[in-house]
């Protein structure tokens, strides 16, 4: 995956990569432009999904 990320980045593309499992931190699963996702970004994403899930359950 790292090779593909570097190849895409060398052509000016933005990359996102999701892998599983994580070893130390959940953030390792999601990389944006080769860097682990920030805690705040993950929390915001989870909150958005959770909010929509509650609307579907009702």
C-alpha atoms as a PDB file:
ATOM      1  CA  UNK A   1       0.000   0.000   0.000  1.00  0.00           C
ATOM      2  CA  UNK A   2       2.790   2.419   0.844  1.00  0.00           C
ATOM      3  CA  UNK A   3       4.228   2.035  -2.646  1.00  0.00           C
ATOM      4  CA  UNK A   4       0.878   2.867  -4.261  1.00  0.00           C
ATOM      5  CA  UNK A   5       0.430   5.841  -1.940  1.00  0.00           C
ATOM      6  CA  UNK A   6       3.849   7.211  -2.906  1.00  0.00           C
ATOM      7  CA  UNK A   7       3.195   6.629  -6.601  1.00  0.00           C
ATOM      8  CA  UNK A   8      -0.117   8.488  -6.471  1.00  0.00           C
ATOM      9  CA  UNK A   9       1.393  11.310  -4.394  1.00  0.00           C
ATOM     10  CA  UNK A  10       4.242  11.695  -6.886  1.00  0.00           C
ATOM     11  CA  UNK A  11       1.575  12.501  -9.490  1.00  0.00           C
ATOM     12  CA  UNK A  12      -0.053  15.109  -7.262  1.00  0.00           C
ATOM     13  CA  UNK A  13      -2.958  12.959  -6.126  1.00  0.00           C
ATOM     14  CA  UNK A  14      -4.419  12.924  -2.626  1.00  0.00           C
ATOM     15  CA  UNK A  15      -4.459   9.468  -1.080  1.00  0.00           C
ATOM     16  CA  UNK A  16      -6.474   7.688   1.592  1.00  0.00           C
ATOM     17  CA  UNK A  17      -5.720   4.180   2.794  1.00  0.00           C
ATOM     18  CA  UNK A  18      -7.694   1.961   5.179  1.00  0.00           C
ATOM     19  CA  UNK A  19      -6.037  -1.177   6.527  1.00  0.00           C
ATOM     20  CA  UNK A  20      -6.836  -3.667   9.259  1.00  0.00           C
ATOM     21  CA  UNK A  21      -5.893  -4.615  11.911  1.00  0.00           C
ATOM     22  CA  UNK A  22      -4.213  -1.825  13.811  1.00  0.00           C
ATOM     23  CA  UNK A  23      -1.206  -2.612  16.009  1.00  0.00           C
ATOM     24  CA  UNK A  24      -1.049   0.163  18.596  1.00  0.00           C
ATOM     25  CA  UNK A  25      -3.608   2.867  17.798  1.00  0.00           C
ATOM     26  CA  UNK A  26      -6.821   2.811  15.808  1.00  0.00           C
ATOM     27  CA  UNK A  27      -5.473   5.770  13.808  1.00  0.00           C
ATOM     28  CA  UNK A  28      -3.054   3.375  12.088  1.00  0.00           C
ATOM     29  CA  UNK A  29      -5.984   1.974  10.113  1.00  0.00           C
ATOM     30  CA  UNK A  30      -6.666   5.204   8.235  1.00  0.00           C
ATOM     31  CA  UNK A  31      -3.919   7.185   6.522  1.00  0.00           C
ATOM     32  CA  UNK A  32      -4.478  10.407   4.610  1.00  0.00           C
ATOM     33  CA  UNK A  33      -1.617  11.380   2.299  1.00  0.00           C
ATOM     34  CA  UNK A  34       0.565   8.820   4.082  1.00  0.00           C
ATOM     35  CA  UNK A  35      -0.058  10.167   7.604  1.00  0.00           C
ATOM     36  CA  UNK A  36      -2.249   8.553  10.290  1.00  0.00           C
ATOM     37  CA  UNK A  37      -5.616  10.287  10.667  1.00  0.00           C
ATOM     38  CA  UNK A  38      -5.835  12.774  13.541  1.00  0.00           C
ATOM     39  CA  UNK A  39      -7.950  11.876  16.573  1.00  0.00           C
ATOM     40  CA  UNK A  40     -10.302  14.814  15.992  1.00  0.00           C
ATOM     41  CA  UNK A  41     -10.954  13.773  12.392  1.00  0.00           C
ATOM     42  CA  UNK A  42     -11.816  10.222  13.436  1.00  0.00           C
ATOM     43  CA  UNK A  43     -14.085  11.372  16.273  1.00  0.00           C
ATOM     44  CA  UNK A  44     -15.938  13.779  13.957  1.00  0.00           C
ATOM     45  CA  UNK A  45     -16.444  11.006  11.413  1.00  0.00           C
ATOM     46  CA  UNK A  46     -17.692   8.517  14.011  1.00  0.00           C
ATOM     47  CA  UNK A  47     -20.085  11.124  15.441  1.00  0.00           C
ATOM     48  CA  UNK A  48     -21.540  11.826  11.990  1.00  0.00           C
ATOM     49  CA  UNK A  49     -22.098   8.121  11.334  1.00  0.00           C
ATOM     50  CA  UNK A  50     -23.583   7.569  14.794  1.00  0.00           C
ATOM     51  CA  UNK A  51     -25.974  10.496  14.379  1.00  0.00           C
ATOM     52  CA  UNK A  52     -27.265   9.159  11.088  1.00  0.00           C
ATOM     53  CA  UNK A  53     -27.549   5.630  12.471  1.00  0.00           C
ATOM     54  CA  UNK A  54     -29.821   6.898  15.255  1.00  0.00           C
ATOM     55  CA  UNK A  55     -32.097   8.533  12.679  1.00  0.00           C
ATOM     56  CA  UNK A  56     -32.358   5.272  10.723  1.00  0.00           C
ATOM     57  CA  UNK A  57     -33.195   3.225  13.839  1.00  0.00           C
ATOM     58  CA  UNK A  58     -36.193   5.399  14.745  1.00  0.00           C
END
